[in-house]
PDB file of N, CA and C in Angstrom:
ATOM      1  N   ASN A   1       0.798  -1.072  -0.083  1.00  0.00           N
ATOM      2  CA  ASN A   1       0.264   0.083   0.085  1.00  0.00           C
ATOM      3  C   ASN A   1       1.089   1.084   0.028  1.00  0.00           C
ATOM      4  N   LEU A   2       0.480   2.006  -1.022  1.00  0.00           N
ATOM      5  CA  LEU A   2       1.379   3.056  -1.221  1.00  0.00           C
ATOM      6  C   LEU A   2       1.350   4.166  -0.058  1.00  0.00           C
ATOM      7  N   ALA A   3       0.304   4.140   0.599  1.00  0.00           N
ATOM      8  CA  ALA A   3       0.214   5.349   1.685  1.00  0.00           C
ATOM      9  C   ALA A   3       0.586   4.778   2.791  1.00  0.00           C
ATOM     10  N   GLN A   4       0.997   3.693   2.874  1.00  0.00           N
ATOM     11  CA  GLN A   4       1.279   3.195   3.653  1.00  0.00           C
ATOM     12  C   GLN A   4       2.891   3.386   4.155  1.00  0.00           C
ATOM     13  N   VAL A   5       3.004   3.181   2.605  1.00  0.00           N
ATOM     14  CA  VAL A   5       5.033   3.082   2.604  1.00  0.00           C
ATOM     15  C   VAL A   5       5.415   4.849   2.789  1.00  0.00           C
ATOM     16  N   ASN A   6       4.240   5.565   2.399  1.00  0.00           N
ATOM     17  CA  ASN A   6       4.995   7.355   2.487  1.00  0.00           C
ATOM     18  C   ASN A   6       4.569   7.469   4.031  1.00  0.00           C
ATOM     19  N   ARG A   7       3.908   7.219   4.620  1.00  0.00           N
ATOM     20  CA  ARG A   7       3.664   6.954   6.301  1.00  0.00           C
ATOM     21  C   ARG A   7       4.815   6.873   6.901  1.00  0.00           C
ATOM     22  N   MET A   8       5.607   5.582   6.543  1.00  0.00           N
ATOM     23  CA  MET A   8       6.289   5.009   7.153  1.00  0.00           C
ATOM     24  C   MET A   8       7.809   5.548   6.857  1.00  0.00           C
ATOM     25  N   ASN A   9       7.979   6.247   5.743  1.00  0.00           N
ATOM     26  CA  ASN A   9       9.474   7.049   5.152  1.00  0.00           C
ATOM     27  C   ASN A   9       8.874   8.589   5.630  1.00  0.00           C
ATOM     28  N   ARG A  10       7.933   9.009   5.494  1.00  0.00           N
ATOM     29  CA  ARG A  10       7.696  10.648   5.838  1.00  0.00           C
ATOM     30  C   ARG A  10       7.415  11.290   7.344  1.00  0.00           C
ATOM     31  N   ILE A  11       7.034  10.324   8.198  1.00  0.00           N
ATOM     32  CA  ILE A  11       6.230  10.199   9.291  1.00  0.00           C
ATOM     33  C   ILE A  11       7.071   9.670  10.816  1.00  0.00           C
ATOM     34  N   ILE A  12       6.918   8.221  10.480  1.00  0.00           N
ATOM     35  CA  ILE A  12       7.368   7.330  11.107  1.00  0.00           C
ATOM     36  C   ILE A  12       9.213   6.837  11.323  1.00  0.00           C
ATOM     37  N   MET A  13       9.722   6.899  10.116  1.00  0.00           N
ATOM     38  CA  MET A  13      11.096   6.694   9.751  1.00  0.00           C
ATOM     39  C   MET A  13      11.496   8.345  10.610  1.00  0.00           C
ATOM     40  N   PRO A  14      11.559   9.697  10.249  1.00  0.00           N
ATOM     41  CA  PRO A  14      12.119  10.646  10.924  1.00  0.00           C
ATOM     42  C   PRO A  14      12.431  10.576  12.178  1.00  0.00           C
ATOM     43  N   LYS A  15      10.923  10.038  13.242  1.00  0.00           N
ATOM     44  CA  LYS A  15      10.863  10.362  14.525  1.00  0.00           C
ATOM     45  C   LYS A  15      11.394   9.202  14.971  1.00  0.00           C
ATOM     46  N   LEU A  16      11.591   7.868  14.468  1.00  0.00           N
ATOM     47  CA  LEU A  16      12.591   7.171  15.097  1.00  0.00           C
ATOM     48  C   LEU A  16      14.010   7.423  14.945  1.00  0.00           C
ATOM     49  N   GLN A  17      14.568   8.218  13.785  1.00  0.00           N
ATOM     50  CA  GLN A  17      16.290   8.487  13.376  1.00  0.00           C
ATOM     51  C   GLN A  17      16.086   9.536  14.367  1.00  0.00           C
ATOM     52  N   THR A  18      15.140  10.216  14.597  1.00  0.00           N
ATOM     53  CA  THR A  18      15.178  11.050  16.056  1.00  0.00           C
ATOM     54  C   THR A  18      15.695  10.845  17.332  1.00  0.00           C
ATOM     55  N   ILE A  19      14.966  10.073  17.754  1.00  0.00           N
ATOM     56  CA  ILE A  19      15.242   8.889  19.146  1.00  0.00           C
ATOM     57  C   ILE A  19      16.333   8.391  19.253  1.00  0.00           C
ATOM     58  N   THR A  20      17.089   7.784  17.642  1.00  0.00           N
ATOM     59  CA  THR A  20      18.047   6.894  17.875  1.00  0.00           C
ATOM     60  C   THR A  20      18.947   7.277  16.843  1.00  0.00           C
ATOM     61  N   PRO A  21      19.951   8.420  16.992  1.00  0.00           N
ATOM     62  CA  PRO A  21      20.642   8.983  16.245  1.00  0.00           C
ATOM     63  C   PRO A  21      21.683   8.124  16.199  1.00  0.00           C
ATOM     64  N   ARG A  22      22.480   7.983  14.532  1.00  0.00           N
ATOM     65  CA  ARG A  22      23.488   6.807  14.369  1.00  0.00           C
ATOM     66  C   ARG A  22      23.457   5.807  14.838  1.00  0.00           C
ATOM     67  N   ALA A  23      21.805   5.056  14.584  1.00  0.00           N
ATOM     68  CA  ALA A  23      21.518   3.848  14.711  1.00  0.00           C
ATOM     69  C   ALA A  23      21.967   3.299  13.907  1.00  0.00           C
ATOM     70  N   ALA A  24      22.544   1.857  14.266  1.00  0.00           N
ATOM     71  CA  ALA A  24      23.152   1.058  13.265  1.00  0.00           C
ATOM     72  C   ALA A  24      21.852   0.326  11.833  1.00  0.00           C
ATOM     73  N   ALA A  25      22.176  -0.049  11.212  1.00  0.00           N
ATOM     74  CA  ALA A  25      21.025  -1.098  10.160  1.00  0.00           C
ATOM     75  C   ALA A  25      21.918  -1.815   9.478  1.00  0.00           C
ATOM     76  N   TYR A  26      20.849  -3.175   9.007  1.00  0.00           N
ATOM     77  CA  TYR A  26      21.581  -4.191   8.222  1.00  0.00           C
ATOM     78  C   TYR A  26      21.218  -4.069   7.291  1.00  0.00           C
ATOM     79  N   LEU A  27      22.093  -4.242   5.987  1.00  0.00           N
ATOM     80  CA  LEU A  27      21.842  -3.610   4.442  1.00  0.00           C
ATOM     81  C   LEU A  27      20.150  -4.716   3.895  1.00  0.00           C
ATOM     82  N   SER A  28      20.508  -5.842   4.395  1.00  0.00           N
ATOM     83  CA  SER A  28      18.920  -6.817   3.956  1.00  0.00           C
ATOM     84  C   SER A  28      17.820  -6.327   4.474  1.00  0.00           C
ATOM     85  N   GLU A  29      18.121  -5.221   5.545  1.00  0.00           N
ATOM     86  CA  GLU A  29      16.675  -4.989   6.193  1.00  0.00           C
ATOM     87  C   GLU A  29      16.545  -3.523   5.928  1.00  0.00           C
ATOM     88  N   ALA A  30      17.464  -2.800   4.633  1.00  0.00           N
ATOM     89  CA  ALA A  30      17.161  -1.470   4.337  1.00  0.00           C
ATOM     90  C   ALA A  30      16.067  -1.336   3.987  1.00  0.00           C
ATOM     91  N   ASN A  31      15.481   0.154   4.183  1.00  0.00           N
ATOM     92  CA  ASN A  31      14.136   0.698   3.119  1.00  0.00           C
ATOM     93  C   ASN A  31      14.786   1.376   2.065  1.00  0.00           C
ATOM     94  N   PHE A  32      14.223   0.874   0.672  1.00  0.00           N
ATOM     95  CA  PHE A  32      14.637   0.960  -0.631  1.00  0.00           C
ATOM     96  C   PHE A  32      14.489   2.557  -0.635  1.00  0.00           C
ATOM     97  N   ALA A  33      13.356   3.120   0.235  1.00  0.00           N
ATOM     98  CA  ALA A  33      13.248   4.379   0.040  1.00  0.00           C
ATOM     99  C   ALA A  33      13.944   5.832   0.785  1.00  0.00           C
ATOM    100  N   ASN A  34      14.586   4.831   1.058  1.00  0.00           N
ATOM    101  CA  ASN A  34      15.228   5.396   2.704  1.00  0.00           C
ATOM    102  C   ASN A  34      16.892   6.886   2.002  1.00  0.00           C
ATOM    103  N   ARG A  35      16.081   7.682   1.991  1.00  0.00           N
ATOM    104  CA  ARG A  35      17.439   8.924   1.048  1.00  0.00           C
ATOM    105  C   ARG A  35      18.862   8.743   1.998  1.00  0.00           C
ATOM    106  N   THR A  36      18.807   8.537   3.163  1.00  0.00           N
ATOM    107  CA  THR A  36      19.945   8.844   4.107  1.00  0.00           C
ATOM    108  C   THR A  36      20.736   7.527   4.214  1.00  0.00           C
ATOM    109  N   TRP A  37      20.447   6.583   3.189  1.00  0.00           N
ATOM    110  CA  TRP A  37      21.370   5.033   3.247  1.00  0.00           C
ATOM    111  C   TRP A  37      22.854   5.062   3.367  1.00  0.00           C
ATOM    112  N   LYS A  38      23.257   6.122   2.981  1.00  0.00           N
ATOM    113  CA  LYS A  38      24.703   6.029   2.942  1.00  0.00           C
ATOM    114  C   LYS A  38      25.183   6.445   4.077  1.00  0.00           C
ATOM    115  N   GLN A  39      24.759   7.091   4.937  1.00  0.00           N
ATOM    116  CA  GLN A  39      24.830   7.391   6.293  1.00  0.00           C
ATOM    117  C   GLN A  39      24.147   6.348   7.099  1.00  0.00           C
ATOM    118  N   ASP A  40      23.343   6.035   6.971  1.00  0.00           N
ATOM    119  CA  ASP A  40      22.438   4.890   7.891  1.00  0.00           C
ATOM    120  C   ASP A  40      23.836   3.603   7.763  1.00  0.00           C
ATOM    121  N   LEU A  41      24.074   3.484   6.809  1.00  0.00           N
ATOM    122  CA  LEU A  41      24.266   1.961   6.431  1.00  0.00           C
ATOM    123  C   LEU A  41      26.229   2.027   6.265  1.00  0.00           C
ATOM    124  N   TYR A  42      26.292   3.030   6.284  1.00  0.00           N
ATOM    125  CA  TYR A  42      27.696   2.857   5.838  1.00  0.00           C
ATOM    126  C   TYR A  42      28.480   4.056   6.480  1.00  0.00           C
ATOM    127  N   ASP A  43      27.996   4.447   7.378  1.00  0.00           N
ATOM    128  CA  ASP A  43      28.128   6.085   8.361  1.00  0.00           C
ATOM    129  C   ASP A  43      28.729   7.215   7.235  1.00  0.00           C
ATOM    130  N   GLY A  44      28.132   7.195   6.240  1.00  0.00           N
ATOM    131  CA  GLY A  44      28.554   8.088   5.204  1.00  0.00           C
ATOM    132  C   GLY A  44      29.571   8.361   4.673  1.00  0.00           C
ATOM    133  N   ASP A  45      30.928   7.568   4.827  1.00  0.00           N
ATOM    134  CA  ASP A  45      32.144   7.808   3.945  1.00  0.00           C
ATOM    135  C   ASP A  45      32.127   6.585   3.361  1.00  0.00           C
ATOM    136  N   CYS A  46      31.528   6.881   2.051  1.00  0.00           N
ATOM    137  CA  CYS A  46      32.049   5.494   1.260  1.00  0.00           C
ATOM    138  C   CYS A  46      33.437   5.138   0.353  1.00  0.00           C
ATOM    139  N   SER A  47      34.130   6.132   0.578  1.00  0.00           N
ATOM    140  CA  SER A  47      35.395   6.719  -0.864  1.00  0.00           C
ATOM    141  C   SER A  47      36.021   5.434  -0.398  1.00  0.00           C
ATOM    142  N   GLU A  48      36.602   4.766   0.537  1.00  0.00           N
ATOM    143  CA  GLU A  48      37.397   3.622   0.724  1.00  0.00           C
ATOM    144  C   GLU A  48      36.596   2.149   0.443  1.00  0.00           C
ATOM    145  N   LEU A  49      34.970   2.320   0.228  1.00  0.00           N
ATOM    146  CA  LEU A  49      34.768   1.110  -0.134  1.00  0.00           C
ATOM    147  C   LEU A  49      34.124   1.413  -1.727  1.00  0.00           C
ATOM    148  N   GLN A  50      33.878   2.609  -2.227  1.00  0.00           N
ATOM    149  CA  GLN A  50      34.197   2.876  -3.567  1.00  0.00           C
ATOM    150  C   GLN A  50      35.260   2.347  -4.125  1.00  0.00           C
ATOM    151  N   ALA A  51      36.206   2.621  -4.165  1.00  0.00           N
ATOM    152  CA  ALA A  51      37.377   2.019  -4.521  1.00  0.00           C
ATOM    153  C   ALA A  51      37.622   0.764  -4.270  1.00  0.00           C
ATOM    154  N   ILE A  52      37.111  -0.120  -3.547  1.00  0.00           N
ATOM    155  CA  ILE A  52      37.338  -1.675  -3.646  1.00  0.00           C
ATOM    156  C   ILE A  52      36.396  -2.170  -4.386  1.00  0.00           C
ATOM    157  N   LYS A  53      35.609  -1.731  -4.341  1.00  0.00           N
ATOM    158  CA  LYS A  53      34.181  -2.285  -5.090  1.00  0.00           C
ATOM    159  C   LYS A  53      34.441  -1.892  -6.946  1.00  0.00           C
ATOM    160  N   ALA A  54      35.297  -0.965  -6.735  1.00  0.00           N
ATOM    161  CA  ALA A  54      35.725  -0.441  -8.509  1.00  0.00           C
ATOM    162  C   ALA A  54      36.760  -1.518  -9.174  1.00  0.00           C
ATOM    163  N   LYS A  55      37.656  -1.529  -8.290  1.00  0.00           N
ATOM    164  CA  LYS A  55      38.609  -2.807  -8.294  1.00  0.00           C
ATOM    165  C   LYS A  55      38.010  -4.053  -8.345  1.00  0.00           C
ATOM    166  N   TYR A  56      37.591  -4.503  -8.010  1.00  0.00           N
ATOM    167  CA  TYR A  56      36.797  -5.905  -7.813  1.00  0.00           C
ATOM    168  C   TYR A  56      36.182  -6.281  -8.414  1.00  0.00           C
ATOM    169  N   ASP A  57      35.070  -4.947  -8.750  1.00  0.00           N
ATOM    170  CA  ASP A  57      33.509  -5.902  -9.461  1.00  0.00           C
ATOM    171  C   ASP A  57      33.531  -4.652 -10.633  1.00  0.00           C
ATOM    172  N   VAL A  58      34.308  -4.727 -11.772  1.00  0.00           N
ATOM    173  CA  VAL A  58      34.585  -4.002 -12.645  1.00  0.00           C
ATOM    174  C   VAL A  58      33.272  -4.547 -13.905  1.00  0.00           C
ATOM    175  N   ILE A  59      32.854  -5.232 -13.470  1.00  0.00           N
ATOM    176  CA  ILE A  59      31.608  -5.926 -14.856  1.00  0.00           C
ATOM    177  C   ILE A  59      30.536  -5.083 -14.303  1.00  0.00           C
ATOM    178  N   GLU A  60      30.660  -4.428 -12.745  1.00  0.00           N
ATOM    179  CA  GLU A  60      29.239  -4.731 -11.749  1.00  0.00           C
ATOM    180  C   GLU A  60      28.383  -5.570 -11.466  1.00  0.00           C
ATOM    181  N   LEU A  61      28.782  -7.052 -11.648  1.00  0.00           N
ATOM    182  CA  LEU A  61      27.539  -7.781 -10.911  1.00  0.00           C
ATOM    183  C   LEU A  61      26.949  -7.753 -10.058  1.00  0.00           C
ATOM    184  N   PHE A  62      27.711  -7.067  -8.718  1.00  0.00           N
ATOM    185  CA  PHE A  62      27.096  -7.169  -7.956  1.00  0.00           C
ATOM    186  C   PHE A  62      26.456  -5.741  -7.626  1.00  0.00           C
ATOM    187  N   TYR A  63      24.932  -6.031  -7.385  1.00  0.00           N
ATOM    188  CA  TYR A  63      23.926  -4.572  -7.666  1.00  0.00           C
ATOM    189  C   TYR A  63      23.176  -4.694  -6.241  1.00  0.00           C
ATOM    190  N   SER A  64      23.071  -3.556  -5.906  1.00  0.00           N
ATOM    191  CA  SER A  64      21.216  -3.459  -5.306  1.00  0.00           C
ATOM    192  C   SER A  64      20.883  -1.878  -5.097  1.00  0.00           C
ATOM    193  N   PRO A  65      19.890  -1.234  -4.844  1.00  0.00           N
ATOM    194  CA  PRO A  65      19.751  -0.202  -5.093  1.00  0.00           C
ATOM    195  C   PRO A  65      20.705   0.410  -3.968  1.00  0.00           C
ATOM    196  N   LYS A  66      20.954  -0.261  -2.620  1.00  0.00           N
ATOM    197  CA  LYS A  66      21.395   0.863  -1.432  1.00  0.00           C
ATOM    198  C   LYS A  66      22.784  -0.153  -1.459  1.00  0.00           C
ATOM    199  N   ILE A  67      23.676  -0.081  -2.099  1.00  0.00           N
ATOM    200  CA  ILE A  67      25.029  -0.502  -2.129  1.00  0.00           C
ATOM    201  C   ILE A  67      26.049   0.388  -2.720  1.00  0.00           C
ATOM    202  N   VAL A  68      27.387   0.589  -2.036  1.00  0.00           N
ATOM    203  CA  VAL A  68      27.959   1.577  -2.466  1.00  0.00           C
ATOM    204  C   VAL A  68      28.444   1.606  -3.709  1.00  0.00           C
ATOM    205  N   GLY A  69      28.060   2.594  -4.346  1.00  0.00           N
ATOM    206  CA  GLY A  69      28.543   2.336  -6.038  1.00  0.00           C
ATOM    207  C   GLY A  69      27.126   2.328  -7.088  1.00  0.00           C
ATOM    208  N   SER A  70      26.025   1.961  -6.502  1.00  0.00           N
ATOM    209  CA  SER A  70      24.934   1.955  -7.156  1.00  0.00           C
ATOM    210  C   SER A  70      24.194   3.360  -7.034  1.00  0.00           C
ATOM    211  N   GLU A  71      24.877   4.491  -6.287  1.00  0.00           N
ATOM    212  CA  GLU A  71      24.734   5.576  -6.648  1.00  0.00           C
ATOM    213  C   GLU A  71      24.792   6.595  -8.521  1.00  0.00           C
ATOM    214  N   ALA A  72      25.448   5.942  -8.844  1.00  0.00           N
ATOM    215  CA  ALA A  72      26.202   6.624  -9.874  1.00  0.00           C
ATOM    216  C   ALA A  72      25.162   6.717 -11.366  1.00  0.00           C
TER     217      ALA A  72
END
């Protein structure tokens, strides 16, 4: 239900993030609509992870909407 997804992302998640700042998250449980996924999943600095992915995944075999390198 799109209305429930929007409510979760626009109302509930911001409140949870306010009361649990810098809380960790599991990639397998990541919300596809989370706009702050880099910060939430990788603590914001992905430069080293991006370099590793570029070196070892040159054909971009490993893909997910919320992994380093997918934002390009």
